[in-house]
């Protein structure tokens, strides 16, 4: 019995670790024809193949949670990747976001802005200059370049929170608010 439980736990750990490879294996600029193979290897299911706008969607796991993965392609190359996890409670959303921040920091180094750990003085300063504190306290950014990673937590409805991790997304909203 112990062997079976160990085997099942090992499979869950391997699946979570493999899903984390999505962010390092599939980066902006890679050929889009490699994405289906990588997602299949990660155990994801294709929801939509490249549509007229170059968007493809998959459902899979990321960090042990069910996730929707969206890819934007242009001229055969990946321009944006977004991993979206939905939570029904604020605490659960921020707990997951903090776990992801730790993992991304291990791989990418310290973020240039960490809204999940924004001290009181920075909150006061940003509030004084008129920045959107709801946005700035829910975003973590690892660089201002478009290909840099960004993590965002936002409330999308009653008891509905979205945690997104993106690469290739515009950082204009962050730049304007910081």
Protein backbone atom coordinates (compact mmCIF):
# COMPACT_ATOMS: atom_id res chain seq x y z
CA UNK A 1 0.00 0.00 0.00
CA UNK A 2 2.83 2.41 0.87
CA UNK A 3 4.39 1.85 -2.55
CA UNK A 4 1.14 2.71 -4.34
CA UNK A 5 0.68 5.91 -2.31
CA UNK A 6 4.32 6.87 -2.92
CA UNK A 7 3.91 6.22 -6.65
CA UNK A 8 0.74 8.35 -6.87
CA UNK A 9 2.36 11.22 -4.95
CA UNK A 10 5.41 10.99 -7.21
CA UNK A 11 3.20 11.30 -10.28
CA UNK A 12 1.55 14.43 -8.88
CA UNK A 13 4.92 16.01 -8.12
CA UNK A 14 6.31 15.16 -11.55
CA UNK A 15 3.21 16.63 -13.22
CA UNK A 16 3.55 19.88 -11.26
CA UNK A 17 7.27 20.16 -12.03
CA UNK A 18 6.69 19.43 -15.72
CA UNK A 19 4.00 22.09 -15.93
CA UNK A 20 6.49 24.64 -14.59
CA UNK A 21 8.67 23.87 -17.61
CA UNK A 22 6.00 25.48 -19.77
CA UNK A 23 7.33 28.91 -18.83
CA UNK A 24 10.93 28.05 -19.61
CA UNK A 25 10.38 25.80 -22.64
CA UNK A 26 7.82 27.97 -24.42
CA UNK A 27 9.07 31.55 -24.54
CA UNK A 28 8.16 34.42 -26.87
CA UNK A 29 9.85 33.93 -30.23
CA UNK A 30 9.71 30.13 -30.34
CA UNK A 31 8.05 28.55 -33.40
CA UNK A 32 4.35 28.05 -32.74
CA UNK A 33 4.37 24.59 -34.28
CA UNK A 34 6.31 23.35 -31.22
CA UNK A 35 3.56 24.37 -28.78
CA UNK A 36 1.12 21.46 -29.38
CA UNK A 37 3.90 18.90 -28.85
CA UNK A 38 5.03 20.52 -25.60
CA UNK A 39 1.47 20.90 -24.28
CA UNK A 40 0.70 17.28 -25.15
CA UNK A 41 3.83 16.19 -23.25
CA UNK A 42 2.58 18.21 -20.26
CA UNK A 43 -0.78 16.42 -20.40
CA UNK A 44 -2.81 19.39 -21.62
CA UNK A 45 -5.87 19.20 -23.83
CA UNK A 46 -6.31 21.49 -26.81
CA UNK A 47 -9.40 23.70 -26.54
CA UNK A 48 -8.89 25.80 -29.68
CA UNK A 49 -6.35 25.55 -32.45
CA UNK A 50 -4.86 28.66 -34.08
CA UNK A 51 -7.82 30.82 -35.00
CA UNK A 52 -7.83 33.75 -37.42
CA UNK A 53 -6.13 35.92 -34.78
CA UNK A 54 -3.37 33.37 -34.15
CA UNK A 55 -4.74 32.31 -30.75
CA UNK A 56 -4.66 28.76 -29.43
CA UNK A 57 -5.93 27.57 -26.05
CA UNK A 58 -5.23 24.57 -23.87
CA UNK A 59 -6.45 23.29 -20.55
CA UNK A 60 -3.97 21.66 -18.22
CA UNK A 61 -2.34 22.14 -14.87
CA UNK A 62 0.05 24.69 -13.51
CA UNK A 63 1.33 24.61 -9.95
CA UNK A 64 -1.04 21.74 -9.20
CA UNK A 65 -4.12 23.78 -10.21
CA UNK A 66 -6.36 23.55 -13.26
CA UNK A 67 -5.26 26.20 -15.73
CA UNK A 68 -6.16 27.65 -19.10
CA UNK A 69 -3.13 28.38 -21.26
CA UNK A 70 -3.50 30.91 -24.07
CA UNK A 71 -0.94 31.41 -26.83
CA UNK A 72 -0.85 34.29 -29.33
CA UNK A 73 1.16 33.68 -32.49
CA UNK A 74 2.14 35.99 -35.31
CA UNK A 75 3.95 34.89 -38.48
CA UNK A 76 4.58 31.44 -36.99
CA UNK A 77 6.25 32.75 -33.83
CA UNK A 78 4.92 33.01 -30.29
CA UNK A 79 4.27 36.60 -29.25
CA UNK A 80 2.44 36.03 -25.95
CA UNK A 81 1.79 33.23 -23.48
CA UNK A 82 -0.69 33.54 -20.63
CA UNK A 83 -1.45 30.95 -17.96
CA UNK A 84 -4.72 31.60 -16.14
CA UNK A 85 -5.82 29.95 -12.90
CA UNK A 86 -9.20 30.73 -11.35
CA UNK A 87 -9.86 30.74 -7.60
CA UNK A 88 -13.07 31.18 -5.64
CA UNK A 89 -11.51 32.88 -2.61
CA UNK A 90 -9.17 35.80 -2.20
CA UNK A 91 -6.98 33.93 0.31
CA UNK A 92 -6.58 30.95 -2.01
CA UNK A 93 -5.77 33.24 -4.94
CA UNK A 94 -3.07 35.10 -3.05
CA UNK A 95 -1.65 31.89 -1.57
CA UNK A 96 -1.29 30.43 -5.07
CA UNK A 97 0.11 33.72 -6.43
CA UNK A 98 2.74 33.81 -3.67
CA UNK A 99 3.75 30.21 -4.44
CA UNK A 100 4.14 31.10 -8.11
CA UNK A 101 6.10 34.24 -7.23
CA UNK A 102 8.56 32.15 -5.22
CA UNK A 103 9.02 29.70 -8.10
CA UNK A 104 9.44 32.46 -10.68
CA UNK A 105 11.90 34.31 -8.45
CA UNK A 106 14.02 31.16 -8.18
CA UNK A 107 14.21 31.02 -11.98
CA UNK A 108 14.23 34.73 -12.91
CA UNK A 109 15.71 36.47 -9.89
CA UNK A 110 14.11 39.23 -7.84
CA UNK A 111 11.23 41.09 -9.48
CA UNK A 112 11.53 44.81 -10.23
CA UNK A 113 8.10 45.31 -8.62
CA UNK A 114 6.49 43.02 -6.05
CA UNK A 115 2.97 44.23 -5.35
CA UNK A 116 2.22 41.15 -3.25
CA UNK A 117 4.82 42.35 -0.74
CA UNK A 118 4.54 46.14 -1.10
CA UNK A 119 5.55 47.87 2.11
CA UNK A 120 3.43 50.60 3.69
CA UNK A 121 5.74 53.45 2.61
CA UNK A 122 5.57 52.47 -1.04
CA UNK A 123 1.78 52.14 -0.78
CA UNK A 124 1.59 55.62 0.71
CA UNK A 125 3.89 57.01 -1.98
CA UNK A 126 2.00 55.38 -4.86
CA UNK A 127 -1.31 56.50 -3.35
CA UNK A 128 0.01 60.06 -2.95
CA UNK A 129 1.04 60.26 -6.63
CA UNK A 130 -2.37 58.91 -7.71
CA UNK A 131 -1.39 55.41 -8.82
CA UNK A 132 -3.96 52.61 -8.98
CA UNK A 133 -3.20 50.78 -5.71
CA UNK A 134 -5.61 47.94 -6.49
CA UNK A 135 -3.56 47.17 -9.58
CA UNK A 136 -0.10 47.78 -8.07
CA UNK A 137 -0.74 45.58 -5.03
CA UNK A 138 -1.79 42.66 -7.24
CA UNK A 139 1.02 42.64 -9.80
CA UNK A 140 4.57 41.25 -9.76
CA UNK A 141 6.84 42.21 -12.65
CA UNK A 142 10.27 40.81 -13.54
CA UNK A 143 11.14 43.48 -16.10
CA UNK A 144 9.66 46.16 -18.30
CA UNK A 145 10.44 44.47 -21.63
CA UNK A 146 7.52 42.79 -23.35
CA UNK A 147 9.07 39.31 -23.08
CA UNK A 148 9.61 39.58 -19.31
CA UNK A 149 7.30 37.64 -16.98
CA UNK A 150 4.43 39.22 -15.09
CA UNK A 151 2.09 37.76 -12.46
CA UNK A 152 -1.26 39.42 -11.84
CA UNK A 153 -4.02 38.74 -9.30
CA UNK A 154 -7.37 40.40 -9.89
CA UNK A 155 -10.96 39.98 -8.85
CA UNK A 156 -13.09 39.20 -11.89
CA UNK A 157 -16.46 38.72 -10.22
CA UNK A 158 -18.19 37.87 -6.99
CA UNK A 159 -16.09 35.15 -5.35
CA UNK A 160 -14.00 34.82 -8.49
CA UNK A 161 -10.29 35.62 -8.65
CA UNK A 162 -7.97 35.27 -11.62
CA UNK A 163 -4.26 34.61 -11.27
CA UNK A 164 -2.40 35.06 -14.54
CA UNK A 165 1.23 34.54 -15.41
CA UNK A 166 2.24 36.00 -18.73
CA UNK A 167 5.23 36.45 -20.99
CA UNK A 168 5.09 38.69 -24.02
CA UNK A 169 2.31 40.84 -22.57
CA UNK A 170 2.51 44.60 -22.68
CA UNK A 171 3.74 46.17 -19.44
CA UNK A 172 2.18 49.55 -20.33
CA UNK A 173 -0.36 49.45 -17.48
CA UNK A 174 2.42 48.71 -14.99
CA UNK A 175 4.70 51.39 -16.48
CA UNK A 176 1.94 54.02 -16.29
CA UNK A 177 1.12 53.14 -12.68
CA UNK A 178 4.65 53.01 -11.31
